[in-house]
Amino acid sequence: MKRTIEINRIGIICKADFKKRLKVNIIWIISTVALMFLYLALYPVMEELIIEKLALMPDEILSILGADSALSISDFTSYFGMIFSVFAVVFAIYSSLLGSDVIYDEEKDGTIEFLYAQEVSRWEIYLGKMLNLIINVITIILCSYLTIIICGYAVIGSSFNGVNILKIVGLNLIVFLFFGALGLFLSTILNKRIKPSSITLGIFFGTYLLGYLGNLLKDKINFLQYFSPIYVTNASTILNSNWCNGNTYYNPLGIIIILILTIILFIVGGLAYSRRDIL
């Protein structure tokens, strides 16, 4: 007889998993938020030095940072776009690791056997861990957004556009959840002797390299950028687009595809896990 899925059991699993990873997640949040605050808050004091140092960098390095040239980072908002592009890589790695390890760690340590012995279904276990993944990713991004808002209004006052920042953070959140969903999906189909995080990170850095090459060689292989989720939601690109009162057109097709793939990965991961043999 099939067990019905109960919300309270999903909540209990999510809560237990959240507490288990709380210390690690707090370390991630504090370290990333502190660094972001430091970089953004010091901009008024170090503006000239920052532009001077960036001017000495090759265009290829600036491209990785999300800027066409040092002159394009002449105000706080554009500087934020460059800084957030760097932190987007960190957040994507965080999501990839969290999604990959949320089931894998328990299977490797054997603690998942305790859940299998309880009156819970595979779907309830999966949904509880998926919910924990989503909550943790949203939490670290929300803390970062609040840090950006505080720094923005402190540095340039009422001229700071918090709505545009929300658009950028929201679009990037979809990408972070995509890599989290990818890691979670791989953890449901791989043998526990294979670490899913190594594959997830390999895919992330592989697509990141494709995006970098596509941006670097715009005249020849510009299409490669569309295979890189992290470049589809590049902060500097969105800031200069019509979505943020800019001059260039931003095509939402890429982010729509990423959102659909994220939903598919979450669903297929659940189906795979519900049929998974105990290895």
Foldseek 3Di string as FASTA:
>chain_A
DDDDADPVLLQVLLVVLCVVCVVVLVVLLVVLLVVLLVQLQCCVVCVVVQLVVQQPDDCLVVVQLPDRGSVQPNDSQLVNLSVVLVVLLVLLLVLLVLLQCLPLVCLVVVVVVVVVPDPHALLSNLSSSLVNSLVSSVVSLVSNLVSCVVSQCVPPNPVRDSVLVCVLSVLSSLVSLLLSLQSNLCNLPDDSVDRSSVVSVVQLVVLSVQLSVLSVPVVPRVVSVLSHSSSLSRSSVSCQDVVNPHDHHRDCPSSVVSNVSSVVSSVNSSVSSSPDDSD
